[in-house]
């Protein structure tokens, strides 16, 4: 008897999902191996994509200048200046991807430090008995953020390798789960209902 509540249609749906999961698992493994063994090149690709995004954001801002109402001259001027500066920053970052990586590292560090401060605040204002975990996590986030801020490029290489290893492990999990789910769905379809 089928273990899928919706019968054959549900089993077919799970088979399709399991195939997608197997594909994602394989993709995660391949991507993880590439990042793991070539972290510098992977970071360079990330830097170029980041630079293209900055450039495109500036272009988009300039393209929407005409949509700002005519009575808002200061908003139009400010948006135009920001658009030009963003385009120039994008061009600079495209031709100097190392600087893109430093910008990414600084943003990551700032985010982690701010997250740490928020967790410290949450821990300090928590009820007694539930203060420790947010405070510990806050300190860890702040230390990680400071580490990335002080050693931006080596931190990013370490994080890239870590991400590569994590993707391989997660990909293996997706692959195994997808294969098991596919097998169970295939058996459910083949088993006649009584």
C-alpha atoms as a PDB file:
ATOM      1  CA  UNK A   1       0.000   0.000   0.000  1.00  0.00           C
ATOM      2  CA  UNK A   2       1.223   3.504  -0.806  1.00  0.00           C
ATOM      3  CA  UNK A   3       2.705   5.467   2.058  1.00  0.00           C
ATOM      4  CA  UNK A   4       1.865   8.668   0.207  1.00  0.00           C
ATOM      5  CA  UNK A   5      -1.442  10.135   1.353  1.00  0.00           C
ATOM      6  CA  UNK A   6      -2.459  11.322  -2.116  1.00  0.00           C
ATOM      7  CA  UNK A   7      -1.817   7.974  -3.786  1.00  0.00           C
ATOM      8  CA  UNK A   8      -0.239   7.693  -7.221  1.00  0.00           C
ATOM      9  CA  UNK A   9      -0.418  11.415  -8.070  1.00  0.00           C
ATOM     10  CA  UNK A  10       1.306  12.353  -4.825  1.00  0.00           C
ATOM     11  CA  UNK A  11       3.957   9.680  -5.379  1.00  0.00           C
ATOM     12  CA  UNK A  12       4.636  11.035  -8.889  1.00  0.00           C
ATOM     13  CA  UNK A  13       4.950  14.515  -7.423  1.00  0.00           C
ATOM     14  CA  UNK A  14       7.438  13.241  -4.866  1.00  0.00           C
ATOM     15  CA  UNK A  15       9.402  11.501  -7.640  1.00  0.00           C
ATOM     16  CA  UNK A  16       9.670  14.781  -9.540  1.00  0.00           C
ATOM     17  CA  UNK A  17      10.731  16.551  -6.336  1.00  0.00           C
ATOM     18  CA  UNK A  18      13.280  13.837  -5.580  1.00  0.00           C
ATOM     19  CA  UNK A  19      14.813  14.225  -9.056  1.00  0.00           C
ATOM     20  CA  UNK A  20      15.141  17.966  -8.502  1.00  0.00           C
ATOM     21  CA  UNK A  21      16.702  17.269  -5.109  1.00  0.00           C
ATOM     22  CA  UNK A  22      19.200  14.864  -6.691  1.00  0.00           C
ATOM     23  CA  UNK A  23      20.081  17.504  -9.285  1.00  0.00           C
ATOM     24  CA  UNK A  24      20.513  20.174  -6.615  1.00  0.00           C
ATOM     25  CA  UNK A  25      22.646  17.790  -4.568  1.00  0.00           C
ATOM     26  CA  UNK A  26      24.945  17.146  -7.513  1.00  0.00           C
ATOM     27  CA  UNK A  27      25.121  20.864  -8.296  1.00  0.00           C
ATOM     28  CA  UNK A  28      25.934  21.660  -4.642  1.00  0.00           C
ATOM     29  CA  UNK A  29      28.691  19.045  -4.602  1.00  0.00           C
ATOM     30  CA  UNK A  30      30.269  20.343  -7.829  1.00  0.00           C
ATOM     31  CA  UNK A  31      29.983  23.990  -6.772  1.00  0.00           C
ATOM     32  CA  UNK A  32      31.313  23.142  -3.305  1.00  0.00           C
ATOM     33  CA  UNK A  33      34.332  21.334  -4.764  1.00  0.00           C
ATOM     34  CA  UNK A  34      35.096  24.254  -7.082  1.00  0.00           C
ATOM     35  CA  UNK A  35      34.917  26.755  -4.203  1.00  0.00           C
ATOM     36  CA  UNK A  36      36.832  24.433  -1.863  1.00  0.00           C
ATOM     37  CA  UNK A  37      39.742  23.826  -4.215  1.00  0.00           C
ATOM     38  CA  UNK A  38      39.812  27.243  -5.914  1.00  0.00           C
ATOM     39  CA  UNK A  39      38.700  29.760  -3.270  1.00  0.00           C
ATOM     40  CA  UNK A  40      40.673  32.633  -4.782  1.00  0.00           C
ATOM     41  CA  UNK A  41      39.132  32.222  -8.231  1.00  0.00           C
ATOM     42  CA  UNK A  42      35.682  31.741  -6.673  1.00  0.00           C
ATOM     43  CA  UNK A  43      36.066  34.968  -4.717  1.00  0.00           C
ATOM     44  CA  UNK A  44      37.177  36.761  -7.878  1.00  0.00           C
ATOM     45  CA  UNK A  45      33.977  35.626  -9.635  1.00  0.00           C
ATOM     46  CA  UNK A  46      31.971  36.824  -6.624  1.00  0.00           C
ATOM     47  CA  UNK A  47      33.789  40.177  -6.756  1.00  0.00           C
ATOM     48  CA  UNK A  48      32.991  40.631 -10.444  1.00  0.00           C
ATOM     49  CA  UNK A  49      29.298  39.786  -9.883  1.00  0.00           C
ATOM     50  CA  UNK A  50      29.212  42.225  -6.956  1.00  0.00           C
ATOM     51  CA  UNK A  51      30.787  44.947  -9.132  1.00  0.00           C
ATOM     52  CA  UNK A  52      28.301  44.317 -11.952  1.00  0.00           C
ATOM     53  CA  UNK A  53      25.466  44.554  -9.424  1.00  0.00           C
ATOM     54  CA  UNK A  54      26.755  47.902  -8.115  1.00  0.00           C
ATOM     55  CA  UNK A  55      27.088  49.212 -11.683  1.00  0.00           C
ATOM     56  CA  UNK A  56      23.582  48.014 -12.639  1.00  0.00           C
ATOM     57  CA  UNK A  57      22.127  49.586  -9.490  1.00  0.00           C
ATOM     58  CA  UNK A  58      23.618  52.948 -10.490  1.00  0.00           C
ATOM     59  CA  UNK A  59      22.320  52.639 -14.049  1.00  0.00           C
ATOM     60  CA  UNK A  60      18.851  51.737 -12.756  1.00  0.00           C
ATOM     61  CA  UNK A  61      18.886  54.769 -10.463  1.00  0.00           C
ATOM     62  CA  UNK A  62      19.806  57.037 -13.374  1.00  0.00           C
ATOM     63  CA  UNK A  63      17.144  55.483 -15.601  1.00  0.00           C
ATOM     64  CA  UNK A  64      14.426  56.259 -13.040  1.00  0.00           C
ATOM     65  CA  UNK A  65      15.337  59.929 -12.598  1.00  0.00           C
ATOM     66  CA  UNK A  66      12.525  60.964 -14.948  1.00  0.00           C
ATOM     67  CA  UNK A  67       9.970  59.269 -12.722  1.00  0.00           C
ATOM     68  CA  UNK A  68      10.720  61.495  -9.750  1.00  0.00           C
ATOM     69  CA  UNK A  69       8.012  64.203  -9.663  1.00  0.00           C
ATOM     70  CA  UNK A  70       9.159  67.538 -11.077  1.00  0.00           C
ATOM     71  CA  UNK A  71       8.387  69.348  -7.825  1.00  0.00           C
ATOM     72  CA  UNK A  72      11.018  67.296  -5.980  1.00  0.00           C
ATOM     73  CA  UNK A  73      14.143  68.864  -7.428  1.00  0.00           C
ATOM     74  CA  UNK A  74      16.354  68.076  -4.447  1.00  0.00           C
ATOM     75  CA  UNK A  75      15.352  64.392  -4.572  1.00  0.00           C
ATOM     76  CA  UNK A  76      16.074  64.307  -8.307  1.00  0.00           C
ATOM     77  CA  UNK A  77      19.502  65.939  -7.873  1.00  0.00           C
ATOM     78  CA  UNK A  78      20.429  63.684  -4.955  1.00  0.00           C
ATOM     79  CA  UNK A  79      19.260  60.587  -6.830  1.00  0.00           C
ATOM     80  CA  UNK A  80      21.227  61.666  -9.916  1.00  0.00           C
ATOM     81  CA  UNK A  81      24.403  62.243  -7.911  1.00  0.00           C
ATOM     82  CA  UNK A  82      23.967  58.900  -6.143  1.00  0.00           C
ATOM     83  CA  UNK A  83      23.350  57.195  -9.498  1.00  0.00           C
ATOM     84  CA  UNK A  84      26.505  58.670 -11.070  1.00  0.00           C
ATOM     85  CA  UNK A  85      28.607  57.787  -8.015  1.00  0.00           C
ATOM     86  CA  UNK A  86      27.213  54.240  -7.969  1.00  0.00           C
ATOM     87  CA  UNK A  87      27.960  53.777 -11.692  1.00  0.00           C
ATOM     88  CA  UNK A  88      31.506  55.083 -11.157  1.00  0.00           C
ATOM     89  CA  UNK A  89      31.963  52.787  -8.160  1.00  0.00           C
ATOM     90  CA  UNK A  90      30.711  49.851 -10.249  1.00  0.00           C
ATOM     91  CA  UNK A  91      33.167  50.634 -13.054  1.00  0.00           C
ATOM     92  CA  UNK A  92      36.025  50.962 -10.556  1.00  0.00           C
ATOM     93  CA  UNK A  93      35.090  47.682  -8.877  1.00  0.00           C
ATOM     94  CA  UNK A  94      34.782  45.852 -12.213  1.00  0.00           C
ATOM     95  CA  UNK A  95      38.341  46.809 -13.117  1.00  0.00           C
ATOM     96  CA  UNK A  96      39.680  46.339  -9.589  1.00  0.00           C
ATOM     97  CA  UNK A  97      37.935  43.233  -8.226  1.00  0.00           C
ATOM     98  CA  UNK A  98      40.241  43.051  -5.199  1.00  0.00           C
ATOM     99  CA  UNK A  99      38.632  46.211  -3.895  1.00  0.00           C
ATOM    100  CA  UNK A 100      35.223  44.587  -4.436  1.00  0.00           C
ATOM    101  CA  UNK A 101      36.281  41.800  -2.116  1.00  0.00           C
ATOM    102  CA  UNK A 102      37.360  44.286   0.526  1.00  0.00           C
ATOM    103  CA  UNK A 103      33.974  46.029   0.226  1.00  0.00           C
ATOM    104  CA  UNK A 104      32.189  42.675   0.578  1.00  0.00           C
ATOM    105  CA  UNK A 105      34.346  41.858   3.626  1.00  0.00           C
ATOM    106  CA  UNK A 106      33.653  45.243   5.227  1.00  0.00           C
ATOM    107  CA  UNK A 107      29.902  44.827   4.669  1.00  0.00           C
ATOM    108  CA  UNK A 108      30.043  41.308   6.104  1.00  0.00           C
ATOM    109  CA  UNK A 109      32.055  42.514   9.104  1.00  0.00           C
ATOM    110  CA  UNK A 110      29.690  45.428   9.724  1.00  0.00           C
ATOM    111  CA  UNK A 111      26.676  43.131   9.495  1.00  0.00           C
ATOM    112  CA  UNK A 112      28.137  40.650  11.955  1.00  0.00           C
ATOM    113  CA  UNK A 113      29.179  43.383  14.400  1.00  0.00           C
ATOM    114  CA  UNK A 114      25.713  44.952  14.258  1.00  0.00           C
ATOM    115  CA  UNK A 115      24.109  41.525  14.701  1.00  0.00           C
ATOM    116  CA  UNK A 116      26.360  40.978  17.726  1.00  0.00           C
ATOM    117  CA  UNK A 117      25.355  44.307  19.237  1.00  0.00           C
ATOM    118  CA  UNK A 118      21.670  43.489  18.677  1.00  0.00           C
ATOM    119  CA  UNK A 119      22.137  40.106  20.378  1.00  0.00           C
ATOM    120  CA  UNK A 120      23.958  41.708  23.318  1.00  0.00           C
ATOM    121  CA  UNK A 121      21.077  44.166  23.646  1.00  0.00           C
ATOM    122  CA  UNK A 122      18.542  41.333  23.469  1.00  0.00           C
ATOM    123  CA  UNK A 123      20.485  39.341  26.050  1.00  0.00           C
ATOM    124  CA  UNK A 124      20.783  42.275  28.407  1.00  0.00           C
ATOM    125  CA  UNK A 125      17.045  42.919  28.237  1.00  0.00           C
ATOM    126  CA  UNK A 126      16.056  39.243  28.501  1.00  0.00           C
ATOM    127  CA  UNK A 127      14.563  37.663  31.565  1.00  0.00           C
ATOM    128  CA  UNK A 128      16.982  36.124  34.049  1.00  0.00           C
ATOM    129  CA  UNK A 129      17.880  32.611  32.989  1.00  0.00           C
ATOM    130  CA  UNK A 130      17.685  33.392  29.269  1.00  0.00           C
ATOM    131  CA  UNK A 131      20.433  36.008  29.062  1.00  0.00           C
ATOM    132  CA  UNK A 132      23.443  33.748  28.494  1.00  0.00           C
ATOM    133  CA  UNK A 133      22.840  32.427  24.974  1.00  0.00           C
ATOM    134  CA  UNK A 134      22.138  35.758  23.243  1.00  0.00           C
ATOM    135  CA  UNK A 135      25.065  37.374  25.060  1.00  0.00           C
ATOM    136  CA  UNK A 136      27.441  34.543  24.086  1.00  0.00           C
ATOM    137  CA  UNK A 137      26.185  34.661  20.487  1.00  0.00           C
ATOM    138  CA  UNK A 138      26.527  38.453  20.473  1.00  0.00           C
ATOM    139  CA  UNK A 139      30.140  38.261  21.616  1.00  0.00           C
ATOM    140  CA  UNK A 140      30.878  35.583  18.988  1.00  0.00           C
ATOM    141  CA  UNK A 141      29.304  37.661  16.209  1.00  0.00           C
ATOM    142  CA  UNK A 142      31.270  40.743  17.277  1.00  0.00           C
ATOM    143  CA  UNK A 143      34.537  38.774  17.430  1.00  0.00           C
ATOM    144  CA  UNK A 144      33.864  37.227  14.009  1.00  0.00           C
ATOM    145  CA  UNK A 145      33.045  40.657  12.585  1.00  0.00           C
ATOM    146  CA  UNK A 146      36.212  42.159  14.029  1.00  0.00           C
ATOM    147  CA  UNK A 147      38.229  39.247  12.643  1.00  0.00           C
ATOM    148  CA  UNK A 148      36.852  39.836   9.153  1.00  0.00           C
ATOM    149  CA  UNK A 149      37.371  43.610   9.504  1.00  0.00           C
ATOM    150  CA  UNK A 150      41.000  43.205  10.590  1.00  0.00           C
ATOM    151  CA  UNK A 151      41.879  40.464   8.056  1.00  0.00           C
ATOM    152  CA  UNK A 152      39.387  40.949   5.229  1.00  0.00           C
ATOM    153  CA  UNK A 153      40.929  38.973   2.379  1.00  0.00           C
ATOM    154  CA  UNK A 154      42.252  36.037   4.394  1.00  0.00           C
ATOM    155  CA  UNK A 155      38.905  35.883   6.208  1.00  0.00           C
ATOM    156  CA  UNK A 156      37.072  35.708   2.905  1.00  0.00           C
ATOM    157  CA  UNK A 157      39.347  32.911   1.670  1.00  0.00           C
ATOM    158  CA  UNK A 158      38.680  30.984   4.893  1.00  0.00           C
ATOM    159  CA  UNK A 159      34.939  31.594   4.564  1.00  0.00           C
ATOM    160  CA  UNK A 160      35.031  30.506   0.911  1.00  0.00           C
ATOM    161  CA  UNK A 161      36.751  27.242   1.809  1.00  0.00           C
ATOM    162  CA  UNK A 162      34.267  26.725   4.651  1.00  0.00           C
ATOM    163  CA  UNK A 163      31.375  27.418   2.266  1.00  0.00           C
ATOM    164  CA  UNK A 164      32.833  24.959  -0.235  1.00  0.00           C
ATOM    165  CA  UNK A 165      33.133  22.202   2.347  1.00  0.00           C
ATOM    166  CA  UNK A 166      29.622  22.982   3.634  1.00  0.00           C
ATOM    167  CA  UNK A 167      28.171  22.821   0.124  1.00  0.00           C
ATOM    168  CA  UNK A 168      29.780  19.418  -0.457  1.00  0.00           C
ATOM    169  CA  UNK A 169      28.350  18.081   2.820  1.00  0.00           C
ATOM    170  CA  UNK A 170      24.903  19.568   2.170  1.00  0.00           C
ATOM    171  CA  UNK A 171      24.998  18.322  -1.417  1.00  0.00           C
ATOM    172  CA  UNK A 172      25.716  14.791  -0.267  1.00  0.00           C
ATOM    173  CA  UNK A 173      22.772  15.052   2.133  1.00  0.00           C
ATOM    174  CA  UNK A 174      20.486  16.326  -0.648  1.00  0.00           C
ATOM    175  CA  UNK A 175      21.672  13.574  -2.971  1.00  0.00           C
ATOM    176  CA  UNK A 176      21.099  10.789  -0.431  1.00  0.00           C
ATOM    177  CA  UNK A 177      17.698  12.176   0.581  1.00  0.00           C
ATOM    178  CA  UNK A 178      16.666  12.588  -3.051  1.00  0.00           C
ATOM    179  CA  UNK A 179      17.672   9.014  -3.891  1.00  0.00           C
ATOM    180  CA  UNK A 180      15.812   7.609  -0.877  1.00  0.00           C
ATOM    181  CA  UNK A 181      12.721   9.700  -1.604  1.00  0.00           C
ATOM    182  CA  UNK A 182      12.788   8.656  -5.265  1.00  0.00           C
ATOM    183  CA  UNK A 183      13.044   4.981  -4.290  1.00  0.00           C
ATOM    184  CA  UNK A 184      10.131   5.276  -1.840  1.00  0.00           C
ATOM    185  CA  UNK A 185       7.984   7.095  -4.413  1.00  0.00           C
ATOM    186  CA  UNK A 186       8.852   4.553  -7.106  1.00  0.00           C
ATOM    187  CA  UNK A 187       7.861   1.693  -4.792  1.00  0.00           C
ATOM    188  CA  UNK A 188       4.597   3.457  -3.912  1.00  0.00           C
ATOM    189  CA  UNK A 189       3.706   3.833  -7.593  1.00  0.00           C
ATOM    190  CA  UNK A 190       4.567   0.178  -8.331  1.00  0.00           C
ATOM    191  CA  UNK A 191       2.578  -1.168  -5.369  1.00  0.00           C
ATOM    192  CA  UNK A 192      -1.049  -1.825  -6.355  1.00  0.00           C
ATOM    193  CA  UNK A 193      -3.688  -0.402  -4.024  1.00  0.00           C
ATOM    194  CA  UNK A 194      -6.085  -2.895  -2.462  1.00  0.00           C
END
